[in-house]
Amino acid sequence: MVALKLIGISIVLLGLGVAGIAIKIWAKKDGEFAGTCASQSPFLNKDGE
């Protein structure tokens, strides 16, 4: 019974995390995150921005 409760809590917390990320992407214009490490790297940025 304890394992079932733990699994339920884990699923709820993971769901909240995924929902939070989805809301953040939905709220951002074009779904882009400005200023992330990958977007600042000249090696990964092919457009030269």
PDB file of N, CA and C in Angstrom:
ATOM      1  N   MET A   1       0.826  -1.201   0.000  1.00  0.00           N
ATOM      2  CA  MET A   1       0.000   0.000   0.000  1.00  0.00           C
ATOM      3  C   MET A   1       0.867   1.260   0.000  1.00  0.00           C
ATOM      4  N   VAL A   2       2.006   1.189   0.686  1.00  0.00           N
ATOM      5  CA  VAL A   2       2.907   2.342   0.732  1.00  0.00           C
ATOM      6  C   VAL A   2       3.518   2.591  -0.647  1.00  0.00           C
ATOM      7  N   ALA A   3       3.843   1.513  -1.349  1.00  0.00           N
ATOM      8  CA  ALA A   3       4.437   1.658  -2.679  1.00  0.00           C
ATOM      9  C   ALA A   3       3.445   2.302  -3.646  1.00  0.00           C
ATOM     10  N   LEU A   4       2.176   1.934  -3.537  1.00  0.00           N
ATOM     11  CA  LEU A   4       1.153   2.511  -4.405  1.00  0.00           C
ATOM     12  C   LEU A   4       1.003   4.007  -4.149  1.00  0.00           C
ATOM     13  N   LYS A   5       1.060   4.392  -2.887  1.00  0.00           N
ATOM     14  CA  LYS A   5       0.967   5.812  -2.532  1.00  0.00           C
ATOM     15  C   LYS A   5       2.181   6.575  -3.073  1.00  0.00           C
ATOM     16  N   LEU A   6       3.351   5.972  -2.948  1.00  0.00           N
ATOM     17  CA  LEU A   6       4.581   6.598  -3.441  1.00  0.00           C
ATOM     18  C   LEU A   6       4.547   6.758  -4.961  1.00  0.00           C
ATOM     19  N   ILE A   7       4.069   5.736  -5.656  1.00  0.00           N
ATOM     20  CA  ILE A   7       3.962   5.818  -7.114  1.00  0.00           C
ATOM     21  C   ILE A   7       2.974   6.906  -7.518  1.00  0.00           C
ATOM     22  N   GLY A   8       1.869   6.994  -6.803  1.00  0.00           N
ATOM     23  CA  GLY A   8       0.878   8.029  -7.095  1.00  0.00           C
ATOM     24  C   GLY A   8       1.429   9.425  -6.905  1.00  0.00           C
ATOM     25  N   ILE A   9       2.142   9.638  -5.807  1.00  0.00           N
ATOM     26  CA  ILE A   9       2.751  10.949  -5.544  1.00  0.00           C
ATOM     27  C   ILE A   9       3.791  11.274  -6.613  1.00  0.00           C
ATOM     28  N   SER A  10       4.572  10.276  -7.013  1.00  0.00           N
ATOM     29  CA  SER A  10       5.595  10.488  -8.043  1.00  0.00           C
ATOM     30  C   SER A  10       4.968  10.884  -9.373  1.00  0.00           C
ATOM     31  N   ILE A  11       3.879  10.218  -9.744  1.00  0.00           N
ATOM     32  CA  ILE A  11       3.208  10.532 -11.005  1.00  0.00           C
ATOM     33  C   ILE A  11       2.634  11.942 -10.970  1.00  0.00           C
ATOM     34  N   VAL A  12       2.047  12.324  -9.830  1.00  0.00           N
ATOM     35  CA  VAL A  12       1.485  13.672  -9.705  1.00  0.00           C
ATOM     36  C   VAL A  12       2.583  14.725  -9.821  1.00  0.00           C
ATOM     37  N   LEU A  13       3.709  14.520  -9.143  1.00  0.00           N
ATOM     38  CA  LEU A  13       4.801  15.494  -9.197  1.00  0.00           C
ATOM     39  C   LEU A  13       5.403  15.590 -10.597  1.00  0.00           C
ATOM     40  N   LEU A  14       5.584  14.453 -11.260  1.00  0.00           N
ATOM     41  CA  LEU A  14       6.094  14.484 -12.633  1.00  0.00           C
ATOM     42  C   LEU A  14       5.109  15.184 -13.565  1.00  0.00           C
ATOM     43  N   GLY A  15       3.832  14.943 -13.360  1.00  0.00           N
ATOM     44  CA  GLY A  15       2.810  15.608 -14.166  1.00  0.00           C
ATOM     45  C   GLY A  15       2.830  17.112 -13.981  1.00  0.00           C
ATOM     46  N   LEU A  16       2.999  17.557 -12.738  1.00  0.00           N
ATOM     47  CA  LEU A  16       3.087  18.998 -12.474  1.00  0.00           C
ATOM     48  C   LEU A  16       4.314  19.609 -13.150  1.00  0.00           C
ATOM     49  N   GLY A  17       5.432  18.885 -13.120  1.00  0.00           N
ATOM     50  CA  GLY A  17       6.646  19.378 -13.768  1.00  0.00           C
ATOM     51  C   GLY A  17       6.481  19.501 -15.271  1.00  0.00           C
ATOM     52  N   VAL A  18       5.912  18.480 -15.891  1.00  0.00           N
ATOM     53  CA  VAL A  18       5.684  18.507 -17.340  1.00  0.00           C
ATOM     54  C   VAL A  18       4.696  19.607 -17.699  1.00  0.00           C
ATOM     55  N   ALA A  19       3.642  19.748 -16.887  1.00  0.00           N
ATOM     56  CA  ALA A  19       2.653  20.797 -17.149  1.00  0.00           C
ATOM     57  C   ALA A  19       3.284  22.182 -17.026  1.00  0.00           C
ATOM     58  N   GLY A  20       4.164  22.363 -16.046  1.00  0.00           N
ATOM     59  CA  GLY A  20       4.835  23.649 -15.876  1.00  0.00           C
ATOM     60  C   GLY A  20       5.713  23.996 -17.062  1.00  0.00           C
ATOM     61  N   ILE A  21       6.451  23.011 -17.560  1.00  0.00           N
ATOM     62  CA  ILE A  21       7.301  23.249 -18.729  1.00  0.00           C
ATOM     63  C   ILE A  21       6.442  23.538 -19.961  1.00  0.00           C
ATOM     64  N   ALA A  22       5.341  22.801 -20.112  1.00  0.00           N
ATOM     65  CA  ALA A  22       4.449  23.021 -21.256  1.00  0.00           C
ATOM     66  C   ALA A  22       3.842  24.417 -21.215  1.00  0.00           C
ATOM     67  N   ILE A  23       3.448  24.873 -20.041  1.00  0.00           N
ATOM     68  CA  ILE A  23       2.883  26.218 -19.909  1.00  0.00           C
ATOM     69  C   ILE A  23       3.938  27.271 -20.222  1.00  0.00           C
ATOM     70  N   LYS A  24       5.178  27.024 -19.789  1.00  0.00           N
ATOM     71  CA  LYS A  24       6.254  27.980 -20.062  1.00  0.00           C
ATOM     72  C   LYS A  24       6.522  28.077 -21.564  1.00  0.00           C
ATOM     73  N   ILE A  25       6.544  26.945 -22.253  1.00  0.00           N
ATOM     74  CA  ILE A  25       6.756  26.950 -23.702  1.00  0.00           C
ATOM     75  C   ILE A  25       5.589  27.632 -24.403  1.00  0.00           C
ATOM     76  N   TRP A  26       4.367  27.345 -23.953  1.00  0.00           N
ATOM     77  CA  TRP A  26       3.175  27.926 -24.563  1.00  0.00           C
ATOM     78  C   TRP A  26       3.131  29.440 -24.360  1.00  0.00           C
ATOM     79  N   ALA A  27       3.592  29.899 -23.203  1.00  0.00           N
ATOM     80  CA  ALA A  27       3.535  31.325 -22.889  1.00  0.00           C
ATOM     81  C   ALA A  27       4.616  32.124 -23.622  1.00  0.00           C
ATOM     82  N   LYS A  28       5.736  31.481 -23.959  1.00  0.00           N
ATOM     83  CA  LYS A  28       6.816  32.175 -24.661  1.00  0.00           C
ATOM     84  C   LYS A  28       6.464  32.356 -26.130  1.00  0.00           C
ATOM     85  N   LYS A  29       6.866  33.479 -26.686  1.00  0.00           N
ATOM     86  CA  LYS A  29       6.625  33.733 -28.103  1.00  0.00           C
ATOM     87  C   LYS A  29       7.470  32.769 -28.935  1.00  0.00           C
ATOM     88  N   ASP A  30       6.865  32.084 -29.849  1.00  0.00           N
ATOM     89  CA  ASP A  30       7.496  31.098 -30.731  1.00  0.00           C
ATOM     90  C   ASP A  30       8.090  29.919 -29.976  1.00  0.00           C
ATOM     91  N   GLY A  31       7.818  29.776 -28.692  1.00  0.00           N
ATOM     92  CA  GLY A  31       8.321  28.655 -27.909  1.00  0.00           C
ATOM     93  C   GLY A  31       9.826  28.648 -27.742  1.00  0.00           C
ATOM     94  N   GLU A  32      10.470  29.795 -27.865  1.00  0.00           N
ATOM     95  CA  GLU A  32      11.923  29.872 -27.753  1.00  0.00           C
ATOM     96  C   GLU A  32      12.319  30.406 -26.386  1.00  0.00           C
ATOM     97  N   PHE A  33      13.372  29.834 -25.839  1.00  0.00           N
ATOM     98  CA  PHE A  33      13.911  30.303 -24.573  1.00  0.00           C
ATOM     99  C   PHE A  33      15.138  31.153 -24.869  1.00  0.00           C
ATOM    100  N   ALA A  34      15.074  32.418 -24.567  1.00  0.00           N
ATOM    101  CA  ALA A  34      16.180  33.324 -24.852  1.00  0.00           C
ATOM    102  C   ALA A  34      17.267  33.181 -23.792  1.00  0.00           C
ATOM    103  N   GLY A  35      18.505  33.190 -24.225  1.00  0.00           N
ATOM    104  CA  GLY A  35      19.623  33.227 -23.302  1.00  0.00           C
ATOM    105  C   GLY A  35      20.020  31.903 -22.701  1.00  0.00           C
ATOM    106  N   THR A  36      19.645  30.781 -23.303  1.00  0.00           N
ATOM    107  CA  THR A  36      20.096  29.498 -22.783  1.00  0.00           C
ATOM    108  C   THR A  36      21.539  29.275 -23.215  1.00  0.00           C
ATOM    109  N   CYS A  37      22.211  28.363 -22.568  1.00  0.00           N
ATOM    110  CA  CYS A  37      23.618  28.108 -22.869  1.00  0.00           C
ATOM    111  C   CYS A  37      23.809  27.678 -24.325  1.00  0.00           C
ATOM    112  N   ALA A  38      22.921  26.827 -24.832  1.00  0.00           N
ATOM    113  CA  ALA A  38      23.057  26.337 -26.205  1.00  0.00           C
ATOM    114  C   ALA A  38      22.838  27.457 -27.218  1.00  0.00           C
ATOM    115  N   SER A  39      21.954  28.394 -26.903  1.00  0.00           N
ATOM    116  CA  SER A  39      21.692  29.464 -27.866  1.00  0.00           C
ATOM    117  C   SER A  39      22.829  30.473 -27.912  1.00  0.00           C
ATOM    118  N   GLN A  40      23.668  30.500 -26.903  1.00  0.00           N
ATOM    119  CA  GLN A  40      24.791  31.429 -26.867  1.00  0.00           C
ATOM    120  C   GLN A  40      26.066  30.838 -27.467  1.00  0.00           C
ATOM    121  N   SER A  41      26.070  29.532 -27.727  1.00  0.00           N
ATOM    122  CA  SER A  41      27.267  28.871 -28.224  1.00  0.00           C
ATOM    123  C   SER A  41      27.464  29.138 -29.716  1.00  0.00           C
ATOM    124  N   PRO A  42      28.632  29.662 -30.113  1.00  0.00           N
ATOM    125  CA  PRO A  42      28.872  29.905 -31.544  1.00  0.00           C
ATOM    126  C   PRO A  42      29.002  28.605 -32.333  1.00  0.00           C
ATOM    127  N   PHE A  43      29.339  27.498 -31.653  1.00  0.00           N
ATOM    128  CA  PHE A  43      29.487  26.219 -32.338  1.00  0.00           C
ATOM    129  C   PHE A  43      28.129  25.617 -32.699  1.00  0.00           C
ATOM    130  N   LEU A  44      27.117  25.855 -31.873  1.00  0.00           N
ATOM    131  CA  LEU A  44      25.788  25.302 -32.117  1.00  0.00           C
ATOM    132  C   LEU A  44      24.901  26.252 -32.903  1.00  0.00           C
ATOM    133  N   ASN A  45      25.273  27.513 -32.972  1.00  0.00           N
ATOM    134  CA  ASN A  45      24.456  28.522 -33.632  1.00  0.00           C
ATOM    135  C   ASN A  45      24.927  28.668 -35.077  1.00  0.00           C
ATOM    136  N   LYS A  46      24.203  28.082 -36.012  1.00  0.00           N
ATOM    137  CA  LYS A  46      24.613  28.086 -37.420  1.00  0.00           C
ATOM    138  C   LYS A  46      24.293  29.394 -38.126  1.00  0.00           C
ATOM    139  N   ASP A  47      23.357  30.176 -37.595  1.00  0.00           N
ATOM    140  CA  ASP A  47      22.952  31.421 -38.246  1.00  0.00           C
ATOM    141  C   ASP A  47      23.906  32.573 -37.966  1.00  0.00           C
ATOM    142  N   GLY A  48      24.817  32.404 -37.016  1.00  0.00           N
ATOM    143  CA  GLY A  48      25.739  33.467 -36.671  1.00  0.00           C
ATOM    144  C   GLY A  48      25.107  34.590 -35.881  1.00  0.00           C
ATOM    145  N   GLU A  49      24.045  34.285 -35.184  1.00  0.00           N
ATOM    146  CA  GLU A  49      23.348  35.313 -34.399  1.00  0.00           C
ATOM    147  C   GLU A  49      24.077  35.598 -33.108  1.00  0.00           C
TER     148      GLU A  49
END
